[in-house]
Amino acid sequence: MIDLACERMKISVSPKDGGCITALHCAARGTWQPILLGAEESDVGPAALASGLLAMLPFANRASRNRLVSADQTHLLPPNTPEPLALHGTGWEHPWQVLDRSAQALRLGLKVGRASYPFAFSAVLTFACRATGSGWGAA
């Protein structure tokens, strides 16, 4: 678990659980108020699916007929939950590598190869807790 903090925001991120945010708190009325509750293994499955925010890539929601279609290719996707349709891509199913880290920012990277998915892709996820306390960002 990696914790980021600034004047008015605290973020907990779990690189091993798909880079998901496991907790988010905001300073209000003199105390830390939970915005997102912590993620744990539960009846919904992996921590990433129980979290308040997970990396849904290379697609979000369910893949119609378990297919992703580009201009020249159709990629057949295996279901990745007990449901019949592939859900939220595969980014949440993989541990992410820490590329850069400070007290207020975190950059994670993911490379998925054809050996574990119908096509290869890479992604970078950045979390930043702004020193002004005006909020947080993910890109």
C-alpha atoms as a PDB file:
ATOM      1  CA  MET A   1       0.000   0.000   0.000  1.00  0.00           C
ATOM      2  CA  ILE A   2       1.292   3.467  -0.857  1.00  0.00           C
ATOM      3  CA  ASP A   3      -0.072   6.506   0.944  1.00  0.00           C
ATOM      4  CA  LEU A   4       0.010  10.015  -0.513  1.00  0.00           C
ATOM      5  CA  ALA A   5      -0.858  13.067   1.528  1.00  0.00           C
ATOM      6  CA  CYS A   6      -1.129  16.810   1.285  1.00  0.00           C
ATOM      7  CA  GLU A   7      -2.778  19.515   3.344  1.00  0.00           C
ATOM      8  CA  ARG A   8      -6.395  18.453   2.765  1.00  0.00           C
ATOM      9  CA  MET A   9      -6.268  15.043   1.070  1.00  0.00           C
ATOM     10  CA  LYS A  10      -4.976  11.530   1.816  1.00  0.00           C
ATOM     11  CA  ILE A  11      -4.951   8.786  -0.831  1.00  0.00           C
ATOM     12  CA  SER A  12      -4.046   5.100  -0.426  1.00  0.00           C
ATOM     13  CA  VAL A  13      -3.112   3.210  -3.603  1.00  0.00           C
ATOM     14  CA  SER A  14      -2.417  -0.503  -3.994  1.00  0.00           C
ATOM     15  CA  PRO A  15      -0.089  -1.213  -6.944  1.00  0.00           C
ATOM     16  CA  LYS A  16      -0.381  -4.985  -6.335  1.00  0.00           C
ATOM     17  CA  ASP A  17      -4.190  -4.813  -6.618  1.00  0.00           C
ATOM     18  CA  GLY A  18      -4.404  -3.353 -10.099  1.00  0.00           C
ATOM     19  CA  GLY A  19      -3.318   0.148  -9.072  1.00  0.00           C
ATOM     20  CA  CYS A  20      -6.650   0.766  -7.345  1.00  0.00           C
ATOM     21  CA  ILE A  21      -7.392   3.487  -4.817  1.00  0.00           C
ATOM     22  CA  THR A  22      -8.195   1.682  -1.584  1.00  0.00           C
ATOM     23  CA  ALA A  23      -8.981   4.784   0.480  1.00  0.00           C
ATOM     24  CA  LEU A  24      -9.476   8.504  -0.061  1.00  0.00           C
ATOM     25  CA  HIS A  25      -9.946  11.011   2.772  1.00  0.00           C
ATOM     26  CA  CYS A  26     -10.537  14.761   2.767  1.00  0.00           C
ATOM     27  CA  ALA A  27      -9.949  17.176   5.649  1.00  0.00           C
ATOM     28  CA  ALA A  28     -13.263  18.715   6.667  1.00  0.00           C
ATOM     29  CA  ARG A  29     -14.622  20.136   9.910  1.00  0.00           C
ATOM     30  CA  GLY A  30     -11.308  19.522  11.660  1.00  0.00           C
ATOM     31  CA  THR A  31     -11.102  15.793  10.932  1.00  0.00           C
ATOM     32  CA  TRP A  32     -10.399  13.346   8.097  1.00  0.00           C
ATOM     33  CA  GLN A  33     -13.622  12.385   6.315  1.00  0.00           C
ATOM     34  CA  PRO A  34     -13.721   9.215   4.173  1.00  0.00           C
ATOM     35  CA  ILE A  35     -14.621   9.845   0.534  1.00  0.00           C
ATOM     36  CA  LEU A  36     -13.954   6.267  -0.625  1.00  0.00           C
ATOM     37  CA  LEU A  37     -13.897   3.362   1.762  1.00  0.00           C
ATOM     38  CA  GLY A  38     -11.084   0.809   1.882  1.00  0.00           C
ATOM     39  CA  ALA A  39     -10.998  -2.183  -0.422  1.00  0.00           C
ATOM     40  CA  GLU A  40     -10.535  -5.706   0.845  1.00  0.00           C
ATOM     41  CA  GLU A  41     -11.059  -9.162  -0.565  1.00  0.00           C
ATOM     42  CA  SER A  42     -14.807  -9.672  -0.379  1.00  0.00           C
ATOM     43  CA  ASP A  43     -17.709 -11.533  -1.877  1.00  0.00           C
ATOM     44  CA  VAL A  44     -17.341  -9.416  -5.031  1.00  0.00           C
ATOM     45  CA  GLY A  45     -13.897 -10.900  -5.607  1.00  0.00           C
ATOM     46  CA  PRO A  46     -10.548  -9.129  -5.911  1.00  0.00           C
ATOM     47  CA  ALA A  47      -9.777  -5.970  -3.929  1.00  0.00           C
ATOM     48  CA  ALA A  48      -9.712  -3.897  -7.120  1.00  0.00           C
ATOM     49  CA  LEU A  49     -13.386  -4.672  -7.821  1.00  0.00           C
ATOM     50  CA  ALA A  50     -14.303  -3.787  -4.232  1.00  0.00           C
ATOM     51  CA  SER A  51     -12.343  -0.525  -4.348  1.00  0.00           C
ATOM     52  CA  GLY A  52     -13.697   2.929  -4.973  1.00  0.00           C
ATOM     53  CA  LEU A  53     -11.572   3.472  -8.076  1.00  0.00           C
ATOM     54  CA  LEU A  54      -9.837   0.985 -10.344  1.00  0.00           C
ATOM     55  CA  ALA A  55      -8.045   1.106 -13.675  1.00  0.00           C
ATOM     56  CA  MET A  56     -10.629   0.090 -16.282  1.00  0.00           C
ATOM     57  CA  LEU A  57      -8.503  -0.498 -19.333  1.00  0.00           C
ATOM     58  CA  PRO A  58      -8.241  -1.144 -22.184  1.00  0.00           C
ATOM     59  CA  PHE A  59     -12.019  -0.728 -21.866  1.00  0.00           C
ATOM     60  CA  ALA A  60     -14.646   0.111 -19.255  1.00  0.00           C
ATOM     61  CA  ASN A  61     -17.870  -1.707 -18.459  1.00  0.00           C
ATOM     62  CA  ARG A  62     -18.694  -5.002 -20.205  1.00  0.00           C
ATOM     63  CA  ALA A  63     -17.452  -5.992 -23.635  1.00  0.00           C
ATOM     64  CA  SER A  64     -20.391  -6.692 -25.916  1.00  0.00           C
ATOM     65  CA  ARG A  65     -20.243 -10.328 -27.057  1.00  0.00           C
ATOM     66  CA  ASN A  66     -16.750 -10.469 -25.459  1.00  0.00           C
ATOM     67  CA  ARG A  67     -15.251  -8.660 -28.436  1.00  0.00           C
ATOM     68  CA  LEU A  68     -13.231  -5.523 -28.995  1.00  0.00           C
ATOM     69  CA  VAL A  69     -13.308  -4.371 -32.606  1.00  0.00           C
ATOM     70  CA  SER A  70     -10.832  -1.983 -34.212  1.00  0.00           C
ATOM     71  CA  ALA A  71     -10.697  -0.853 -37.820  1.00  0.00           C
ATOM     72  CA  ASP A  72      -8.918  -4.011 -38.967  1.00  0.00           C
ATOM     73  CA  GLN A  73      -9.179  -6.582 -36.153  1.00  0.00           C
ATOM     74  CA  THR A  74     -11.598  -8.265 -33.802  1.00  0.00           C
ATOM     75  CA  HIS A  75     -10.183  -9.385 -30.460  1.00  0.00           C
ATOM     76  CA  LEU A  76     -12.065 -12.105 -28.583  1.00  0.00           C
ATOM     77  CA  LEU A  77     -11.919 -11.625 -24.821  1.00  0.00           C
ATOM     78  CA  PRO A  78     -12.229 -14.283 -22.143  1.00  0.00           C
ATOM     79  CA  PRO A  79     -14.679 -13.570 -19.304  1.00  0.00           C
ATOM     80  CA  ASN A  80     -12.689 -12.406 -16.262  1.00  0.00           C
ATOM     81  CA  THR A  81     -15.364 -12.688 -13.549  1.00  0.00           C
ATOM     82  CA  PRO A  82     -18.107 -15.251 -12.909  1.00  0.00           C
ATOM     83  CA  GLU A  83     -20.315 -13.132 -15.206  1.00  0.00           C
ATOM     84  CA  PRO A  84     -20.429 -14.192 -18.872  1.00  0.00           C
ATOM     85  CA  LEU A  85     -19.034 -10.909 -20.296  1.00  0.00           C
ATOM     86  CA  ALA A  86     -15.498  -9.549 -19.904  1.00  0.00           C
ATOM     87  CA  LEU A  87     -15.586  -6.747 -17.322  1.00  0.00           C
ATOM     88  CA  HIS A  88     -13.529  -3.513 -17.099  1.00  0.00           C
ATOM     89  CA  GLY A  89     -10.643  -4.722 -19.245  1.00  0.00           C
ATOM     90  CA  THR A  90      -7.680  -6.361 -17.570  1.00  0.00           C
ATOM     91  CA  GLY A  91      -5.715  -3.475 -16.038  1.00  0.00           C
ATOM     92  CA  TRP A  92      -7.261  -4.111 -12.634  1.00  0.00           C
ATOM     93  CA  GLU A  93      -6.190  -7.781 -12.721  1.00  0.00           C
ATOM     94  CA  HIS A  94      -2.443  -7.099 -12.842  1.00  0.00           C
ATOM     95  CA  PRO A  95       0.060  -5.721 -10.358  1.00  0.00           C
ATOM     96  CA  TRP A  96       1.401  -2.344 -11.474  1.00  0.00           C
ATOM     97  CA  GLN A  97       5.060  -1.311 -11.285  1.00  0.00           C
ATOM     98  CA  VAL A  98       6.014   1.797  -9.304  1.00  0.00           C
ATOM     99  CA  LEU A  99       7.772   4.092 -11.800  1.00  0.00           C
ATOM    100  CA  ASP A 100       8.144   7.166  -9.582  1.00  0.00           C
ATOM    101  CA  ARG A 101       7.072   8.073  -6.074  1.00  0.00           C
ATOM    102  CA  SER A 102       7.125  11.023  -3.690  1.00  0.00           C
ATOM    103  CA  ALA A 103       5.108  11.993  -0.606  1.00  0.00           C
ATOM    104  CA  GLN A 104       2.461  13.629  -2.818  1.00  0.00           C
ATOM    105  CA  ALA A 105       2.646  11.807  -6.156  1.00  0.00           C
ATOM    106  CA  LEU A 106       2.812   8.320  -7.563  1.00  0.00           C
ATOM    107  CA  ARG A 107       3.309   7.097 -11.111  1.00  0.00           C
ATOM    108  CA  LEU A 108       2.533   3.465 -11.926  1.00  0.00           C
ATOM    109  CA  GLY A 109       3.192   1.539 -15.127  1.00  0.00           C
ATOM    110  CA  LEU A 110       1.704  -1.591 -16.637  1.00  0.00           C
ATOM    111  CA  LYS A 111       2.756  -3.678 -19.622  1.00  0.00           C
ATOM    112  CA  VAL A 112       0.453  -6.493 -20.725  1.00  0.00           C
ATOM    113  CA  GLY A 113       1.719  -8.886 -23.367  1.00  0.00           C
ATOM    114  CA  ARG A 114      -0.041 -11.187 -25.789  1.00  0.00           C
ATOM    115  CA  ALA A 115       0.870 -14.137 -23.589  1.00  0.00           C
ATOM    116  CA  SER A 116      -1.751 -13.003 -21.051  1.00  0.00           C
ATOM    117  CA  TYR A 117      -4.243 -11.001 -23.179  1.00  0.00           C
ATOM    118  CA  PRO A 118      -5.507 -11.085 -26.780  1.00  0.00           C
ATOM    119  CA  PHE A 119      -3.364  -8.015 -27.605  1.00  0.00           C
ATOM    120  CA  ALA A 120      -0.430  -6.197 -26.033  1.00  0.00           C
ATOM    121  CA  PHE A 121      -0.724  -2.742 -24.476  1.00  0.00           C
ATOM    122  CA  SER A 122       0.928  -0.515 -21.906  1.00  0.00           C
ATOM    123  CA  ALA A 123      -0.416   2.171 -19.605  1.00  0.00           C
ATOM    124  CA  VAL A 124       0.742   4.764 -17.090  1.00  0.00           C
ATOM    125  CA  LEU A 125      -1.384   5.851 -14.147  1.00  0.00           C
ATOM    126  CA  THR A 126      -0.500   8.991 -12.193  1.00  0.00           C
ATOM    127  CA  PHE A 127      -1.919  10.031  -8.828  1.00  0.00           C
ATOM    128  CA  ALA A 128      -1.068  13.442  -7.385  1.00  0.00           C
ATOM    129  CA  CYS A 129      -2.141  15.073  -4.178  1.00  0.00           C
ATOM    130  CA  ARG A 130      -1.793  18.810  -4.719  1.00  0.00           C
ATOM    131  CA  ALA A 131       0.003  20.793  -2.026  1.00  0.00           C
ATOM    132  CA  THR A 132      -2.680  23.501  -2.181  1.00  0.00           C
ATOM    133  CA  GLY A 133      -5.193  20.998  -0.861  1.00  0.00           C
ATOM    134  CA  SER A 134      -7.486  21.790  -3.776  1.00  0.00           C
ATOM    135  CA  GLY A 135      -7.898  18.170  -4.739  1.00  0.00           C
ATOM    136  CA  TRP A 136      -6.295  15.188  -6.359  1.00  0.00           C
ATOM    137  CA  GLY A 137      -5.685  14.070  -9.875  1.00  0.00           C
ATOM    138  CA  ALA A 138      -5.332  10.892 -11.866  1.00  0.00           C
ATOM    139  CA  ALA A 139      -4.231  10.736 -15.462  1.00  0.00           C
END
